[in-house]
N, C-alpha and C. Protein backbone atom coordinates (compact mmCIF):
# COMPACT_ATOMS: atom_id res chain seq x y z
N MET A 1 0.82 -1.19 0.00
CA MET A 1 0.00 0.00 0.00
C MET A 1 0.86 1.26 0.00
N SER A 2 1.98 1.27 0.70
CA SER A 2 2.82 2.46 0.76
C SER A 2 3.46 2.78 -0.59
N MET A 3 3.69 1.78 -1.43
CA MET A 3 4.22 2.02 -2.78
C MET A 3 3.20 2.77 -3.63
N ARG A 4 1.93 2.45 -3.47
CA ARG A 4 0.88 3.15 -4.21
C ARG A 4 0.83 4.62 -3.81
N ILE A 5 0.92 4.85 -2.53
CA ILE A 5 0.89 6.23 -2.03
C ILE A 5 2.11 7.00 -2.53
N ALA A 6 3.27 6.38 -2.49
CA ALA A 6 4.49 7.03 -2.97
C ALA A 6 4.38 7.33 -4.47
N ALA A 7 3.85 6.40 -5.24
CA ALA A 7 3.69 6.62 -6.68
C ALA A 7 2.70 7.75 -6.95
N LEU A 8 1.61 7.80 -6.20
CA LEU A 8 0.62 8.85 -6.37
C LEU A 8 1.21 10.21 -6.02
N LEU A 9 1.96 10.29 -4.95
CA LEU A 9 2.61 11.55 -4.56
C LEU A 9 3.62 11.99 -5.61
N ALA A 10 4.38 11.05 -6.16
CA ALA A 10 5.36 11.39 -7.19
C ALA A 10 4.66 11.97 -8.42
N CYS A 11 3.54 11.38 -8.82
CA CYS A 11 2.79 11.89 -9.97
C CYS A 11 2.27 13.30 -9.70
N CYS A 12 1.76 13.51 -8.50
CA CYS A 12 1.23 14.83 -8.13
C CYS A 12 2.34 15.88 -8.14
N LEU A 13 3.49 15.53 -7.62
CA LEU A 13 4.60 16.47 -7.60
C LEU A 13 5.08 16.80 -9.00
N LEU A 14 5.17 15.80 -9.87
CA LEU A 14 5.58 16.05 -11.25
C LEU A 14 4.60 16.97 -11.95
N ALA A 15 3.32 16.76 -11.75
CA ALA A 15 2.31 17.61 -12.38
C ALA A 15 2.41 19.03 -11.84
N ALA A 16 2.63 19.18 -10.55
CA ALA A 16 2.72 20.51 -9.94
C ALA A 16 3.97 21.25 -10.39
N CYS A 17 5.01 20.53 -10.74
CA CYS A 17 6.28 21.15 -11.13
C CYS A 17 6.39 21.37 -12.62
N SER A 18 5.34 21.12 -13.37
CA SER A 18 5.38 21.28 -14.82
C SER A 18 5.70 22.71 -15.19
N LYS A 19 6.50 22.87 -16.22
CA LYS A 19 6.82 24.19 -16.73
C LYS A 19 5.76 24.68 -17.71
N ILE A 20 4.78 23.82 -18.02
CA ILE A 20 3.70 24.18 -18.93
C ILE A 20 2.57 24.76 -18.08
N ASN A 21 2.70 26.06 -17.78
CA ASN A 21 1.73 26.72 -16.91
C ASN A 21 1.53 28.18 -17.33
N GLN A 22 0.53 28.81 -16.76
CA GLN A 22 0.17 30.18 -17.11
C GLN A 22 1.29 31.17 -16.79
N ASP A 23 1.99 30.96 -15.69
CA ASP A 23 3.08 31.88 -15.32
C ASP A 23 4.17 31.90 -16.38
N ASN A 24 4.60 30.73 -16.84
CA ASN A 24 5.65 30.68 -17.86
C ASN A 24 5.13 31.17 -19.21
N TYR A 25 3.87 30.87 -19.53
CA TYR A 25 3.28 31.37 -20.77
C TYR A 25 3.32 32.90 -20.80
N ALA A 26 3.03 33.52 -19.66
CA ALA A 26 3.02 34.99 -19.57
C ALA A 26 4.42 35.59 -19.79
N LYS A 27 5.46 34.79 -19.61
CA LYS A 27 6.84 35.27 -19.80
C LYS A 27 7.28 35.22 -21.26
N LEU A 28 6.53 34.51 -22.11
CA LEU A 28 6.88 34.44 -23.53
C LEU A 28 6.63 35.79 -24.19
N LYS A 29 7.54 36.20 -25.06
CA LYS A 29 7.42 37.46 -25.77
C LYS A 29 7.89 37.29 -27.21
N PRO A 30 7.22 37.97 -28.16
CA PRO A 30 7.74 37.96 -29.52
C PRO A 30 9.16 38.52 -29.52
N GLY A 31 10.02 37.92 -30.33
CA GLY A 31 11.41 38.37 -30.40
C GLY A 31 12.36 37.57 -29.53
N MET A 32 11.83 36.75 -28.61
CA MET A 32 12.70 35.90 -27.79
C MET A 32 13.43 34.90 -28.68
N SER A 33 14.61 34.50 -28.27
CA SER A 33 15.35 33.49 -29.01
C SER A 33 14.87 32.09 -28.63
N LYS A 34 15.16 31.14 -29.48
CA LYS A 34 14.81 29.74 -29.20
C LYS A 34 15.48 29.28 -27.91
N ASP A 35 16.72 29.68 -27.67
CA ASP A 35 17.42 29.32 -26.44
C ASP A 35 16.72 29.88 -25.21
N GLU A 36 16.25 31.12 -25.28
CA GLU A 36 15.53 31.71 -24.14
C GLU A 36 14.26 30.93 -23.82
N VAL A 37 13.52 30.54 -24.86
CA VAL A 37 12.29 29.78 -24.67
C VAL A 37 12.61 28.43 -24.04
N GLU A 38 13.65 27.76 -24.53
CA GLU A 38 14.00 26.44 -23.98
C GLU A 38 14.53 26.53 -22.56
N ARG A 39 15.16 27.63 -22.19
CA ARG A 39 15.55 27.81 -20.78
C ARG A 39 14.32 27.96 -19.90
N LEU A 40 13.28 28.57 -20.44
CA LEU A 40 12.04 28.78 -19.70
C LEU A 40 11.19 27.51 -19.62
N LEU A 41 11.01 26.82 -20.75
CA LEU A 41 10.08 25.70 -20.83
C LEU A 41 10.74 24.33 -20.89
N GLY A 42 12.04 24.29 -21.10
CA GLY A 42 12.72 23.01 -21.30
C GLY A 42 12.69 22.62 -22.77
N ALA A 43 13.13 21.42 -23.07
CA ALA A 43 13.15 20.94 -24.45
C ALA A 43 11.72 20.68 -24.92
N PRO A 44 11.40 21.05 -26.16
CA PRO A 44 10.04 20.82 -26.67
C PRO A 44 9.77 19.33 -26.87
N ASP A 45 8.49 18.97 -26.82
CA ASP A 45 8.08 17.59 -27.07
C ASP A 45 8.06 17.28 -28.56
N GLU A 46 7.84 18.32 -29.38
CA GLU A 46 7.74 18.11 -30.82
C GLU A 46 8.03 19.41 -31.55
N CYS A 47 8.75 19.32 -32.67
CA CYS A 47 9.00 20.46 -33.55
C CYS A 47 8.86 20.02 -35.00
N ALA A 48 8.37 20.92 -35.82
CA ALA A 48 8.29 20.67 -37.26
C ALA A 48 8.45 22.01 -37.96
N GLY A 49 8.99 21.99 -39.16
CA GLY A 49 9.15 23.25 -39.86
C GLY A 49 9.54 23.09 -41.30
N ALA A 50 9.46 24.23 -41.99
CA ALA A 50 9.85 24.31 -43.40
C ALA A 50 10.05 25.77 -43.76
N LEU A 51 10.92 26.01 -44.72
CA LEU A 51 11.14 27.35 -45.27
C LEU A 51 11.48 28.39 -44.21
N GLY A 52 12.29 28.01 -43.23
CA GLY A 52 12.74 28.95 -42.21
C GLY A 52 11.77 29.17 -41.06
N MET A 53 10.62 28.53 -41.11
CA MET A 53 9.63 28.63 -40.04
C MET A 53 9.60 27.32 -39.28
N THR A 54 9.50 27.38 -37.95
CA THR A 54 9.44 26.18 -37.11
C THR A 54 8.34 26.36 -36.08
N SER A 55 7.61 25.29 -35.82
CA SER A 55 6.59 25.28 -34.77
C SER A 55 6.96 24.20 -33.77
N CYS A 56 7.07 24.57 -32.49
CA CYS A 56 7.42 23.63 -31.43
C CYS A 56 6.31 23.62 -30.39
N THR A 57 6.08 22.43 -29.81
CA THR A 57 5.02 22.26 -28.82
C THR A 57 5.53 21.59 -27.57
N TRP A 58 5.11 22.11 -26.42
CA TRP A 58 5.37 21.53 -25.11
C TRP A 58 4.03 21.09 -24.56
N THR A 59 3.93 19.86 -24.09
CA THR A 59 2.65 19.35 -23.60
C THR A 59 2.76 18.81 -22.19
N ASN A 60 1.62 18.84 -21.50
CA ASN A 60 1.49 18.26 -20.17
C ASN A 60 0.04 17.83 -20.02
N GLY A 61 -0.26 16.60 -20.39
CA GLY A 61 -1.64 16.12 -20.34
C GLY A 61 -2.50 16.88 -21.32
N GLN A 62 -3.52 17.57 -20.83
CA GLN A 62 -4.43 18.34 -21.67
C GLN A 62 -3.92 19.76 -21.95
N SER A 63 -2.85 20.16 -21.30
CA SER A 63 -2.30 21.51 -21.46
C SER A 63 -1.17 21.50 -22.49
N TYR A 64 -1.05 22.61 -23.22
CA TYR A 64 0.08 22.74 -24.13
C TYR A 64 0.43 24.20 -24.36
N ILE A 65 1.67 24.40 -24.78
CA ILE A 65 2.15 25.69 -25.27
C ILE A 65 2.77 25.42 -26.62
N SER A 66 2.40 26.23 -27.61
CA SER A 66 2.94 26.10 -28.96
C SER A 66 3.63 27.41 -29.32
N VAL A 67 4.84 27.31 -29.87
CA VAL A 67 5.60 28.51 -30.23
C VAL A 67 6.01 28.40 -31.70
N GLN A 68 5.77 29.46 -32.47
CA GLN A 68 6.16 29.50 -33.86
C GLN A 68 7.35 30.45 -34.01
N TYR A 69 8.39 29.95 -34.64
CA TYR A 69 9.62 30.70 -34.83
C TYR A 69 9.80 31.07 -36.29
N GLY A 70 10.35 32.23 -36.53
CA GLY A 70 10.89 32.63 -37.83
C GLY A 70 12.39 32.63 -37.64
N GLY A 71 13.08 31.66 -38.24
CA GLY A 71 14.50 31.46 -37.93
C GLY A 71 14.58 30.95 -36.50
N ASP A 72 15.29 31.65 -35.64
CA ASP A 72 15.39 31.27 -34.23
C ASP A 72 14.72 32.29 -33.32
N THR A 73 13.74 33.04 -33.87
CA THR A 73 13.09 34.11 -33.13
C THR A 73 11.59 33.83 -33.00
N VAL A 74 11.04 34.02 -31.80
CA VAL A 74 9.60 33.82 -31.58
C VAL A 74 8.81 34.84 -32.39
N MET A 75 7.86 34.31 -33.17
CA MET A 75 6.95 35.17 -33.93
C MET A 75 5.56 35.17 -33.28
N LEU A 76 5.05 33.97 -32.99
CA LEU A 76 3.71 33.80 -32.40
C LEU A 76 3.78 32.68 -31.36
N PHE A 77 2.82 32.68 -30.44
CA PHE A 77 2.71 31.58 -29.49
C PHE A 77 1.27 31.48 -29.02
N SER A 78 0.90 30.28 -28.59
CA SER A 78 -0.46 30.05 -28.10
C SER A 78 -0.40 28.96 -27.02
N GLY A 79 -1.47 28.87 -26.25
CA GLY A 79 -1.54 27.86 -25.20
C GLY A 79 -2.97 27.45 -24.96
N LYS A 80 -3.14 26.30 -24.32
CA LYS A 80 -4.48 25.82 -24.00
C LYS A 80 -4.43 25.01 -22.70
N GLY A 81 -5.43 25.20 -21.87
CA GLY A 81 -5.55 24.44 -20.64
C GLY A 81 -4.53 24.78 -19.57
N LEU A 82 -3.96 25.96 -19.63
CA LEU A 82 -2.90 26.35 -18.68
C LEU A 82 -3.50 26.77 -17.35
N LYS A 83 -2.80 26.43 -16.27
CA LYS A 83 -3.25 26.79 -14.92
C LYS A 83 -2.20 27.58 -14.21
């Protein structure tokens, strides 16, 4: 029984420590470098791009932050389900 409790607490702590949250989303600004974004949010879960444009996404369950880059500079960003 104590292993179940420990596993549940570990999951809760990981969810609470997620960098995919409203506070970090509010820190994103157009013009930020890709390195600045990754220092804030960590490595993205997925990136795709073409013709000098890249879109990267960070996810945490139902929440996500998506950042669109022109070269290595933030152009647009969006989020959903952030707390």
